[in-house]
């Protein structure tokens, strides 16, 4: 009898507005490795989604749903709920996420409210994992601290355990990530850790 393992559902969120940029390359390497292992992948580009910014109306805190019916509600949120592994890939913009990605992150308040305010158990003890892939032009010691902290709380709101990150300093010009000497080994090792 054959052992058929269920394919892992992997969702990628591209935060970069730049086509064919370095963080997009990181995401494509990660997803290719997942596909090679037979897992189901989906990538959403934050800049292509039509979403409203959170207005702090508190509807999600009392009713458990967002007032907006947009790409966040119709595309992004269902994909996040379905995912077993969620990976965010992003460049650094002023020590933070780019605006389109940050708007998505802010809207995850609906899951935070369901989990912490309304005590809803949307994920029924599913063991979901989160990963951050990031690049930044400077070499500052604290360059990725803001992203890591924001990612940690985003993952927590979605009932996802922040498992790992790969962050690369001194990467700015298009194509630099492709020339990085350890990128493929780093991605392979990361994926193996996540699926084992």
N, C-alpha and C. Protein backbone atom coordinates (compact mmCIF):
# COMPACT_ATOMS: atom_id res chain seq x y z
N UNK A 1 0.84 -1.18 0.00
CA UNK A 1 0.00 0.00 0.00
C UNK A 1 0.89 1.25 0.00
N UNK A 2 0.55 2.23 -0.85
CA UNK A 2 1.34 3.45 -0.95
C UNK A 2 0.92 4.44 0.13
N UNK A 3 1.91 5.20 0.58
CA UNK A 3 1.65 6.24 1.56
C UNK A 3 1.47 7.56 0.80
N UNK A 4 0.26 8.09 0.78
CA UNK A 4 -0.01 9.34 0.07
C UNK A 4 -0.10 10.47 1.09
N UNK A 5 0.92 11.29 1.12
CA UNK A 5 0.89 12.46 2.00
C UNK A 5 0.10 13.57 1.33
N UNK A 6 -0.67 14.26 2.12
CA UNK A 6 -1.43 15.39 1.60
C UNK A 6 -0.48 16.53 1.26
N UNK A 7 -0.70 17.15 0.10
CA UNK A 7 0.14 18.28 -0.30
C UNK A 7 -0.08 19.45 0.65
N UNK A 8 1.00 20.10 0.99
CA UNK A 8 0.94 21.30 1.83
C UNK A 8 0.47 22.47 0.96
N UNK A 9 -0.43 23.29 1.50
CA UNK A 9 -0.91 24.49 0.82
C UNK A 9 0.00 25.65 1.20
N UNK A 10 0.74 26.17 0.22
CA UNK A 10 1.72 27.23 0.48
C UNK A 10 1.25 28.52 -0.19
N UNK A 11 1.08 29.56 0.62
CA UNK A 11 0.69 30.87 0.11
C UNK A 11 1.87 31.83 0.23
N UNK A 12 2.18 32.48 -0.87
CA UNK A 12 3.21 33.51 -0.88
C UNK A 12 2.58 34.88 -1.08
N UNK A 13 3.09 35.85 -0.34
CA UNK A 13 2.65 37.23 -0.49
C UNK A 13 3.85 38.05 -0.92
N UNK A 14 3.82 38.54 -2.15
CA UNK A 14 4.88 39.41 -2.66
C UNK A 14 4.59 40.84 -2.23
N UNK A 15 5.51 41.43 -1.51
CA UNK A 15 5.32 42.80 -1.05
C UNK A 15 5.93 43.85 -1.95
N UNK A 16 6.78 43.43 -2.88
CA UNK A 16 7.49 44.41 -3.70
C UNK A 16 6.65 44.93 -4.85
N UNK A 17 6.63 46.25 -5.04
CA UNK A 17 5.96 46.80 -6.21
C UNK A 17 6.82 46.69 -7.47
N UNK A 18 8.09 46.36 -7.31
CA UNK A 18 9.01 46.29 -8.46
C UNK A 18 8.94 44.92 -9.12
N UNK A 19 8.63 44.90 -10.40
CA UNK A 19 8.61 43.65 -11.16
C UNK A 19 10.02 43.09 -11.28
N UNK A 20 10.14 41.79 -11.14
CA UNK A 20 11.43 41.10 -11.29
C UNK A 20 12.50 41.62 -10.35
N UNK A 21 12.10 42.05 -9.18
CA UNK A 21 13.04 42.54 -8.19
C UNK A 21 13.63 41.41 -7.36
N UNK A 22 14.44 41.77 -6.40
CA UNK A 22 15.16 40.79 -5.59
C UNK A 22 14.27 39.98 -4.65
N UNK A 23 13.31 40.63 -4.01
CA UNK A 23 12.44 39.87 -3.11
C UNK A 23 11.51 38.96 -3.91
N UNK A 24 11.13 39.37 -5.11
CA UNK A 24 10.34 38.49 -5.98
C UNK A 24 11.16 37.27 -6.38
N UNK A 25 12.44 37.47 -6.61
CA UNK A 25 13.31 36.33 -6.94
C UNK A 25 13.38 35.36 -5.76
N UNK A 26 13.51 35.90 -4.56
CA UNK A 26 13.49 35.05 -3.36
C UNK A 26 12.21 34.22 -3.31
N UNK A 27 11.08 34.87 -3.54
CA UNK A 27 9.80 34.16 -3.52
C UNK A 27 9.76 33.07 -4.58
N UNK A 28 10.22 33.38 -5.78
CA UNK A 28 10.15 32.38 -6.85
C UNK A 28 11.03 31.18 -6.53
N UNK A 29 12.19 31.39 -5.94
CA UNK A 29 13.06 30.27 -5.53
C UNK A 29 12.38 29.41 -4.47
N UNK A 30 11.76 30.06 -3.50
CA UNK A 30 11.07 29.34 -2.43
C UNK A 30 9.92 28.50 -3.01
N UNK A 31 9.11 29.11 -3.86
CA UNK A 31 7.96 28.41 -4.42
C UNK A 31 8.38 27.28 -5.36
N UNK A 32 9.43 27.48 -6.11
CA UNK A 32 9.91 26.40 -7.00
C UNK A 32 10.36 25.20 -6.18
N UNK A 33 11.01 25.46 -5.07
CA UNK A 33 11.45 24.36 -4.19
C UNK A 33 10.23 23.62 -3.62
N UNK A 34 9.21 24.37 -3.23
CA UNK A 34 7.99 23.74 -2.73
C UNK A 34 7.30 22.91 -3.81
N UNK A 35 7.22 23.45 -5.03
CA UNK A 35 6.60 22.71 -6.14
C UNK A 35 7.37 21.44 -6.44
N UNK A 36 8.69 21.51 -6.39
CA UNK A 36 9.52 20.33 -6.64
C UNK A 36 9.18 19.20 -5.68
N UNK A 37 8.81 19.56 -4.47
CA UNK A 37 8.45 18.56 -3.46
C UNK A 37 6.98 18.14 -3.54
N UNK A 38 6.25 18.68 -4.52
CA UNK A 38 4.87 18.26 -4.75
C UNK A 38 3.82 19.03 -3.98
N UNK A 39 4.18 20.19 -3.46
CA UNK A 39 3.22 20.97 -2.68
C UNK A 39 2.49 21.99 -3.56
N UNK A 40 1.31 22.39 -3.13
CA UNK A 40 0.48 23.34 -3.87
C UNK A 40 0.87 24.76 -3.50
N UNK A 41 1.12 25.58 -4.50
CA UNK A 41 1.57 26.95 -4.24
C UNK A 41 0.66 27.97 -4.90
N UNK A 42 0.57 29.12 -4.25
CA UNK A 42 -0.16 30.26 -4.79
C UNK A 42 0.60 31.51 -4.35
N UNK A 43 0.76 32.46 -5.26
CA UNK A 43 1.42 33.72 -4.92
C UNK A 43 0.48 34.87 -5.23
N UNK A 44 0.32 35.76 -4.27
CA UNK A 44 -0.47 36.97 -4.46
C UNK A 44 0.47 38.17 -4.39
N UNK A 45 0.27 39.11 -5.31
CA UNK A 45 1.05 40.35 -5.31
C UNK A 45 0.25 41.44 -4.61
N UNK A 46 0.80 41.97 -3.53
CA UNK A 46 0.09 43.00 -2.76
C UNK A 46 -0.30 44.19 -3.64
N UNK A 47 0.57 44.59 -4.55
CA UNK A 47 0.29 45.77 -5.37
C UNK A 47 -0.81 45.54 -6.40
N UNK A 48 -1.13 44.29 -6.70
CA UNK A 48 -2.17 44.01 -7.69
C UNK A 48 -3.55 43.85 -7.07
N UNK A 49 -3.61 43.73 -5.77
CA UNK A 49 -4.89 43.58 -5.08
C UNK A 49 -5.52 44.95 -4.85
N UNK A 50 -6.81 45.03 -5.10
CA UNK A 50 -7.55 46.28 -4.88
C UNK A 50 -8.16 46.20 -3.48
N UNK A 51 -7.51 46.91 -2.55
CA UNK A 51 -7.97 46.85 -1.17
C UNK A 51 -8.11 48.24 -0.57
N UNK A 52 -9.00 48.34 0.38
CA UNK A 52 -9.17 49.56 1.16
C UNK A 52 -8.27 49.48 2.39
N UNK A 53 -7.84 50.61 2.86
CA UNK A 53 -7.08 50.66 4.10
C UNK A 53 -8.04 50.49 5.28
N UNK A 54 -7.54 49.88 6.35
CA UNK A 54 -8.33 49.75 7.58
C UNK A 54 -8.67 51.16 8.08
N UNK A 55 -9.93 51.35 8.46
CA UNK A 55 -10.36 52.66 8.96
C UNK A 55 -10.61 52.64 10.47
N UNK A 56 -10.30 51.53 11.12
CA UNK A 56 -10.44 51.46 12.57
C UNK A 56 -11.86 51.58 13.07
N UNK A 57 -12.82 51.05 12.32
CA UNK A 57 -14.24 51.19 12.67
C UNK A 57 -14.68 50.23 13.77
N UNK A 58 -13.88 49.20 14.05
CA UNK A 58 -14.15 48.19 15.08
C UNK A 58 -15.28 47.22 14.74
N UNK A 59 -15.77 47.22 13.52
CA UNK A 59 -16.81 46.26 13.14
C UNK A 59 -16.31 44.83 13.32
N UNK A 60 -15.05 44.59 12.98
CA UNK A 60 -14.50 43.23 13.13
C UNK A 60 -14.41 42.82 14.60
N UNK A 61 -14.28 43.78 15.49
CA UNK A 61 -14.18 43.46 16.91
C UNK A 61 -15.52 43.09 17.53
N UNK A 62 -16.60 43.53 16.92
CA UNK A 62 -17.93 43.21 17.46
C UNK A 62 -18.66 42.14 16.65
N UNK A 63 -18.43 42.13 15.33
CA UNK A 63 -19.16 41.19 14.47
C UNK A 63 -18.29 40.12 13.83
N UNK A 64 -16.97 40.28 13.93
CA UNK A 64 -16.06 39.27 13.39
C UNK A 64 -15.87 39.32 11.89
N UNK A 65 -16.35 40.37 11.25
CA UNK A 65 -16.18 40.53 9.81
C UNK A 65 -15.79 41.97 9.50
N UNK A 66 -15.11 42.14 8.38
CA UNK A 66 -14.71 43.47 7.93
C UNK A 66 -15.86 44.09 7.13
N UNK A 67 -16.00 45.40 7.24
CA UNK A 67 -17.07 46.08 6.50
C UNK A 67 -16.80 46.15 5.00
N UNK A 68 -15.52 46.06 4.61
CA UNK A 68 -15.18 46.18 3.20
C UNK A 68 -15.32 44.86 2.47
N UNK A 69 -15.88 44.91 1.28
CA UNK A 69 -15.95 43.75 0.39
C UNK A 69 -15.05 44.07 -0.80
N UNK A 70 -13.80 43.68 -0.69
CA UNK A 70 -12.80 44.00 -1.72
C UNK A 70 -11.90 42.79 -1.91
N UNK A 71 -10.75 42.97 -2.54
CA UNK A 71 -9.85 41.84 -2.79
C UNK A 71 -9.29 41.25 -1.50
N UNK A 72 -9.22 42.03 -0.44
CA UNK A 72 -8.80 41.45 0.84
C UNK A 72 -9.80 40.40 1.28
N UNK A 73 -11.06 40.76 1.28
CA UNK A 73 -12.13 39.87 1.74
C UNK A 73 -12.37 38.70 0.78
N UNK A 74 -12.33 38.97 -0.51
CA UNK A 74 -12.70 37.97 -1.50
C UNK A 74 -11.55 37.08 -1.98
N UNK A 75 -10.31 37.58 -1.91
CA UNK A 75 -9.16 36.82 -2.43
C UNK A 75 -8.14 36.53 -1.34
N UNK A 76 -7.66 37.58 -0.68
CA UNK A 76 -6.56 37.44 0.26
C UNK A 76 -6.93 36.63 1.50
N UNK A 77 -7.99 37.01 2.18
CA UNK A 77 -8.37 36.35 3.42
C UNK A 77 -8.67 34.86 3.22
N UNK A 78 -9.44 34.46 2.20
CA UNK A 78 -9.65 33.02 1.99
C UNK A 78 -8.34 32.26 1.74
N UNK A 79 -7.41 32.89 1.03
CA UNK A 79 -6.12 32.25 0.76
C UNK A 79 -5.31 32.08 2.05
N UNK A 80 -5.34 33.08 2.92
CA UNK A 80 -4.64 33.00 4.21
C UNK A 80 -5.25 31.89 5.06
N UNK A 81 -6.55 31.81 5.08
CA UNK A 81 -7.23 30.79 5.88
C UNK A 81 -6.90 29.38 5.38
N UNK A 82 -6.78 29.21 4.09
CA UNK A 82 -6.50 27.90 3.48
C UNK A 82 -5.04 27.47 3.67
N UNK A 83 -4.13 28.41 3.82
CA UNK A 83 -2.69 28.12 3.81
C UNK A 83 -2.22 27.31 5.01
N UNK A 84 -1.32 26.37 4.74
CA UNK A 84 -0.60 25.65 5.79
C UNK A 84 0.73 26.35 6.09
N UNK A 85 1.33 26.91 5.05
CA UNK A 85 2.55 27.71 5.18
C UNK A 85 2.29 29.03 4.48
N UNK A 86 2.61 30.12 5.15
CA UNK A 86 2.47 31.45 4.57
C UNK A 86 3.84 32.10 4.56
N UNK A 87 4.25 32.56 3.38
CA UNK A 87 5.55 33.21 3.25
C UNK A 87 5.36 34.63 2.73
N UNK A 88 5.97 35.57 3.43
CA UNK A 88 5.96 36.97 3.02
C UNK A 88 7.34 37.27 2.45
N UNK A 89 7.37 37.87 1.27
CA UNK A 89 8.64 38.28 0.68
C UNK A 89 8.56 39.78 0.39
N UNK A 90 9.57 40.51 0.87
CA UNK A 90 9.47 41.97 0.79
C UNK A 90 10.83 42.65 0.80
N UNK A 91 10.91 43.79 0.12
CA UNK A 91 12.06 44.67 0.32
C UNK A 91 11.80 45.56 1.54
N UNK A 92 12.83 46.25 1.95
CA UNK A 92 12.73 47.24 3.03
C UNK A 92 12.45 48.61 2.41
N UNK A 93 11.42 49.27 2.91
CA UNK A 93 11.14 50.66 2.53
C UNK A 93 11.16 51.47 3.82
N UNK A 94 12.19 52.26 4.02
CA UNK A 94 12.33 53.05 5.24
C UNK A 94 12.16 52.19 6.49
N UNK A 95 12.86 51.08 6.51
CA UNK A 95 12.88 50.14 7.64
C UNK A 95 11.50 49.52 7.92
N UNK A 96 10.67 49.44 6.90
CA UNK A 96 9.32 48.88 7.06
C UNK A 96 8.89 48.17 5.78
N UNK A 97 7.68 47.60 5.80
CA UNK A 97 7.11 46.99 4.61
C UNK A 97 6.63 48.07 3.66
N UNK A 98 6.62 47.81 2.34
CA UNK A 98 6.02 48.75 1.39
C UNK A 98 4.52 48.93 1.68
N UNK A 99 3.97 50.05 1.25
CA UNK A 99 2.61 50.46 1.62
C UNK A 99 1.53 49.43 1.28
N UNK A 100 1.55 48.85 0.09
CA UNK A 100 0.48 47.91 -0.30
C UNK A 100 0.48 46.69 0.61
N UNK A 101 1.66 46.19 0.95
CA UNK A 101 1.75 45.04 1.85
C UNK A 101 1.31 45.42 3.26
N UNK A 102 1.72 46.58 3.71
CA UNK A 102 1.33 47.02 5.06
C UNK A 102 -0.19 47.19 5.16
N UNK A 103 -0.83 47.62 4.09
CA UNK A 103 -2.30 47.74 4.11
C UNK A 103 -2.95 46.37 4.29
N UNK A 104 -2.41 45.34 3.64
CA UNK A 104 -2.92 43.98 3.83
C UNK A 104 -2.73 43.52 5.27
N UNK A 105 -1.55 43.79 5.79
CA UNK A 105 -1.24 43.39 7.16
C UNK A 105 -2.20 44.07 8.14
N UNK A 106 -2.45 45.35 7.95
CA UNK A 106 -3.37 46.07 8.84
C UNK A 106 -4.77 45.47 8.81
N UNK A 107 -5.19 45.01 7.67
CA UNK A 107 -6.54 44.45 7.54
C UNK A 107 -6.68 43.08 8.20
N UNK A 108 -5.57 42.44 8.56
CA UNK A 108 -5.66 41.13 9.22
C UNK A 108 -6.23 41.30 10.63
N UNK A 109 -6.48 42.54 11.01
CA UNK A 109 -7.14 42.83 12.30
C UNK A 109 -8.41 42.01 12.46
N UNK A 110 -9.07 41.69 11.36
CA UNK A 110 -10.29 40.89 11.44
C UNK A 110 -10.02 39.52 12.07
N UNK A 111 -8.89 38.89 11.73
CA UNK A 111 -8.56 37.60 12.35
C UNK A 111 -8.12 37.78 13.79
N UNK A 112 -7.39 38.87 14.07
CA UNK A 112 -7.00 39.16 15.45
C UNK A 112 -8.25 39.32 16.31
N UNK A 113 -9.22 40.06 15.81
CA UNK A 113 -10.46 40.29 16.57
C UNK A 113 -11.22 38.99 16.81
N UNK A 114 -11.29 38.15 15.79
CA UNK A 114 -11.99 36.87 15.94
C UNK A 114 -11.29 36.00 16.98
N UNK A 115 -9.96 36.02 16.97
CA UNK A 115 -9.18 35.17 17.88
C UNK A 115 -9.18 35.71 19.31
N UNK A 116 -8.88 36.99 19.47
CA UNK A 116 -8.67 37.54 20.81
C UNK A 116 -9.89 38.23 21.42
N UNK A 117 -10.68 38.92 20.64
CA UNK A 117 -11.85 39.61 21.19
C UNK A 117 -13.07 38.69 21.27
N UNK A 118 -13.30 37.95 20.19
CA UNK A 118 -14.52 37.14 20.11
C UNK A 118 -14.29 35.68 20.47
N UNK A 119 -13.03 35.32 20.75
CA UNK A 119 -12.67 33.96 21.20
C UNK A 119 -13.13 32.87 20.23
N UNK A 120 -13.03 33.15 18.94
CA UNK A 120 -13.39 32.17 17.92
C UNK A 120 -12.16 31.33 17.58
N UNK A 121 -12.36 30.05 17.37
CA UNK A 121 -11.27 29.15 17.02
C UNK A 121 -11.39 28.78 15.54
N UNK A 122 -10.94 29.67 14.67
CA UNK A 122 -11.08 29.47 13.24
C UNK A 122 -10.18 28.37 12.68
N UNK A 123 -9.11 28.04 13.37
CA UNK A 123 -8.12 27.14 12.78
C UNK A 123 -8.02 25.79 13.46
N UNK A 124 -8.81 25.54 14.48
CA UNK A 124 -8.96 24.21 15.08
C UNK A 124 -7.64 23.46 15.25
N UNK A 125 -6.71 24.07 15.91
CA UNK A 125 -5.42 23.44 16.22
C UNK A 125 -4.59 23.05 14.99
N UNK A 126 -4.82 23.69 13.85
CA UNK A 126 -3.95 23.45 12.69
C UNK A 126 -2.57 24.00 13.01
N UNK A 127 -1.55 23.30 12.64
CA UNK A 127 -0.16 23.72 12.87
C UNK A 127 0.34 24.45 11.63
N UNK A 128 0.08 25.74 11.57
CA UNK A 128 0.45 26.55 10.40
C UNK A 128 1.77 27.25 10.65
N UNK A 129 2.53 27.46 9.58
CA UNK A 129 3.88 28.02 9.71
C UNK A 129 4.03 29.28 8.87
N UNK A 130 4.79 30.24 9.40
CA UNK A 130 5.04 31.49 8.70
C UNK A 130 6.52 31.73 8.49
N UNK A 131 6.83 32.35 7.35
CA UNK A 131 8.22 32.63 6.97
C UNK A 131 8.30 34.05 6.42
N UNK A 132 9.38 34.74 6.74
CA UNK A 132 9.66 36.06 6.18
C UNK A 132 10.92 35.97 5.32
N UNK A 133 10.82 36.44 4.08
CA UNK A 133 11.97 36.58 3.19
C UNK A 133 12.12 38.07 2.92
N UNK A 134 13.30 38.64 3.14
CA UNK A 134 13.44 40.09 2.99
C UNK A 134 14.81 40.48 2.48
N UNK A 135 14.83 41.60 1.78
CA UNK A 135 16.08 42.18 1.29
C UNK A 135 16.10 43.66 1.61
N UNK A 136 17.30 44.18 1.85
CA UNK A 136 17.45 45.60 2.12
C UNK A 136 18.77 46.11 1.58
N UNK A 137 18.79 47.36 1.17
CA UNK A 137 19.97 47.93 0.52
C UNK A 137 21.11 48.23 1.49
N UNK A 138 20.79 48.67 2.69
CA UNK A 138 21.84 49.05 3.62
C UNK A 138 22.31 47.84 4.41
N UNK A 139 23.28 48.07 5.26
CA UNK A 139 23.83 46.97 6.06
C UNK A 139 23.62 47.19 7.56
N UNK A 140 22.69 48.06 7.90
CA UNK A 140 22.44 48.39 9.31
C UNK A 140 22.08 47.19 10.16
N UNK A 141 22.57 47.18 11.37
CA UNK A 141 22.35 46.07 12.31
C UNK A 141 20.86 45.84 12.57
N UNK A 142 20.08 46.90 12.65
CA UNK A 142 18.66 46.80 12.97
C UNK A 142 17.75 46.82 11.74
N UNK A 143 18.32 46.64 10.57
CA UNK A 143 17.60 46.81 9.32
C UNK A 143 16.29 46.03 9.25
N UNK A 144 16.28 44.80 9.73
CA UNK A 144 15.10 43.95 9.58
C UNK A 144 14.24 43.84 10.84
N UNK A 145 14.62 44.55 11.90
CA UNK A 145 13.88 44.43 13.17
C UNK A 145 12.40 44.79 13.03
N UNK A 146 12.10 45.88 12.32
CA UNK A 146 10.71 46.30 12.15
C UNK A 146 9.89 45.27 11.38
N UNK A 147 10.46 44.75 10.30
CA UNK A 147 9.75 43.74 9.51
C UNK A 147 9.49 42.48 10.32
N UNK A 148 10.50 42.04 11.05
CA UNK A 148 10.35 40.81 11.83
C UNK A 148 9.27 40.96 12.90
N UNK A 149 9.24 42.10 13.55
CA UNK A 149 8.24 42.33 14.59
C UNK A 149 6.83 42.39 13.99
N UNK A 150 6.68 43.11 12.89
CA UNK A 150 5.38 43.19 12.22
C UNK A 150 4.94 41.83 11.72
N UNK A 151 5.87 41.08 11.11
CA UNK A 151 5.54 39.73 10.62
C UNK A 151 5.11 38.83 11.77
N UNK A 152 5.80 38.91 12.89
CA UNK A 152 5.46 38.07 14.04
C UNK A 152 4.00 38.29 14.48
N UNK A 153 3.58 39.54 14.56
CA UNK A 153 2.22 39.82 15.02
C UNK A 153 1.18 39.58 13.94
N UNK A 154 1.55 39.76 12.69
CA UNK A 154 0.66 39.37 11.59
C UNK A 154 0.40 37.87 11.64
N UNK A 155 1.47 37.09 11.75
CA UNK A 155 1.32 35.63 11.82
C UNK A 155 0.50 35.22 13.04
N UNK A 156 0.76 35.85 14.17
CA UNK A 156 0.02 35.51 15.39
C UNK A 156 -1.48 35.73 15.21
N UNK A 157 -1.84 36.86 14.61
CA UNK A 157 -3.27 37.15 14.40
C UNK A 157 -3.93 36.09 13.53
N UNK A 158 -3.17 35.54 12.58
CA UNK A 158 -3.70 34.52 11.68
C UNK A 158 -3.48 33.11 12.21
N UNK A 159 -3.07 32.99 13.46
CA UNK A 159 -2.83 31.70 14.11
C UNK A 159 -1.77 30.89 13.37
N UNK A 160 -0.70 31.58 13.02
CA UNK A 160 0.43 30.99 12.30
C UNK A 160 1.67 31.18 13.16
N UNK A 161 2.45 30.12 13.31
CA UNK A 161 3.69 30.21 14.09
C UNK A 161 4.81 30.73 13.19
N UNK A 162 5.45 31.80 13.62
CA UNK A 162 6.59 32.38 12.90
C UNK A 162 7.75 31.42 13.05
N UNK A 163 8.08 30.70 11.98
CA UNK A 163 9.09 29.65 12.06
C UNK A 163 10.49 30.10 11.65
N UNK A 164 10.59 30.98 10.67
CA UNK A 164 11.93 31.29 10.17
C UNK A 164 11.91 32.56 9.32
N UNK A 165 13.10 33.09 9.09
CA UNK A 165 13.25 34.18 8.14
C UNK A 165 14.62 34.08 7.47
N UNK A 166 14.66 34.58 6.26
CA UNK A 166 15.92 34.77 5.53
C UNK A 166 15.96 36.23 5.14
N UNK A 167 16.93 36.96 5.66
CA UNK A 167 17.03 38.40 5.42
C UNK A 167 18.43 38.71 4.90
N UNK A 168 18.48 39.44 3.80
CA UNK A 168 19.75 39.72 3.13
C UNK A 168 20.00 41.22 3.06
N UNK A 169 21.13 41.63 3.63
CA UNK A 169 21.55 43.04 3.61
C UNK A 169 22.37 43.33 2.35
N UNK A 170 22.46 44.62 2.01
CA UNK A 170 23.31 45.05 0.91
C UNK A 170 22.80 44.63 -0.46
N UNK A 171 21.51 44.40 -0.58
CA UNK A 171 20.90 43.98 -1.85
C UNK A 171 19.96 45.09 -2.30
N UNK A 172 20.23 45.68 -3.47
CA UNK A 172 19.41 46.79 -3.93
C UNK A 172 19.10 46.73 -5.42
N UNK A 173 20.12 46.63 -6.24
CA UNK A 173 19.92 46.67 -7.69
C UNK A 173 19.27 45.39 -8.19
N UNK A 174 18.45 45.51 -9.24
CA UNK A 174 17.81 44.35 -9.84
C UNK A 174 18.87 43.31 -10.20
N UNK A 175 18.56 42.05 -9.89
CA UNK A 175 19.45 40.95 -10.26
C UNK A 175 20.50 40.60 -9.24
N UNK A 176 20.67 41.42 -8.20
CA UNK A 176 21.71 41.13 -7.20
C UNK A 176 21.43 39.84 -6.43
N UNK A 177 20.17 39.57 -6.15
CA UNK A 177 19.84 38.36 -5.39
C UNK A 177 20.17 37.11 -6.18
N UNK A 178 20.00 37.16 -7.49
CA UNK A 178 20.29 36.01 -8.35
C UNK A 178 21.77 35.62 -8.28
N UNK A 179 22.62 36.58 -7.99
CA UNK A 179 24.06 36.33 -7.92
C UNK A 179 24.55 35.98 -6.52
N UNK A 180 23.64 36.00 -5.55
CA UNK A 180 24.04 35.74 -4.17
C UNK A 180 24.57 34.31 -4.06
N UNK A 181 25.73 34.12 -3.43
CA UNK A 181 26.38 32.80 -3.44
C UNK A 181 25.67 31.70 -2.66
N UNK A 182 24.83 32.04 -1.69
CA UNK A 182 24.21 30.98 -0.88
C UNK A 182 22.69 30.89 -1.02
N UNK A 183 22.10 31.69 -1.92
CA UNK A 183 20.64 31.78 -1.98
C UNK A 183 19.96 30.43 -2.17
N UNK A 184 20.43 29.64 -3.12
CA UNK A 184 19.75 28.37 -3.41
C UNK A 184 19.91 27.37 -2.27
N UNK A 185 21.08 27.33 -1.69
CA UNK A 185 21.30 26.46 -0.53
C UNK A 185 20.45 26.92 0.66
N UNK A 186 20.39 28.24 0.87
CA UNK A 186 19.58 28.79 1.97
C UNK A 186 18.11 28.41 1.81
N UNK A 187 17.59 28.56 0.61
CA UNK A 187 16.18 28.25 0.35
C UNK A 187 15.92 26.76 0.52
N UNK A 188 16.79 25.93 -0.03
CA UNK A 188 16.62 24.47 0.10
C UNK A 188 16.60 24.06 1.56
N UNK A 189 17.53 24.57 2.35
CA UNK A 189 17.59 24.23 3.77
C UNK A 189 16.34 24.72 4.51
N UNK A 190 15.88 25.92 4.18
CA UNK A 190 14.69 26.47 4.81
C UNK A 190 13.46 25.60 4.51
N UNK A 191 13.28 25.26 3.26
CA UNK A 191 12.12 24.45 2.87
C UNK A 191 12.17 23.08 3.54
N UNK A 192 13.34 22.47 3.58
CA UNK A 192 13.46 21.16 4.23
C UNK A 192 13.07 21.24 5.70
N UNK A 193 13.47 22.32 6.36
CA UNK A 193 13.11 22.51 7.76
C UNK A 193 11.59 22.64 7.93
N UNK A 194 10.95 23.34 7.01
CA UNK A 194 9.51 23.58 7.12
C UNK A 194 8.67 22.34 6.86
N UNK A 195 9.11 21.49 5.96
CA UNK A 195 8.28 20.33 5.57
C UNK A 195 8.62 19.07 6.34
N UNK A 196 9.71 19.09 7.12
CA UNK A 196 10.08 17.87 7.85
C UNK A 196 9.37 17.78 9.19
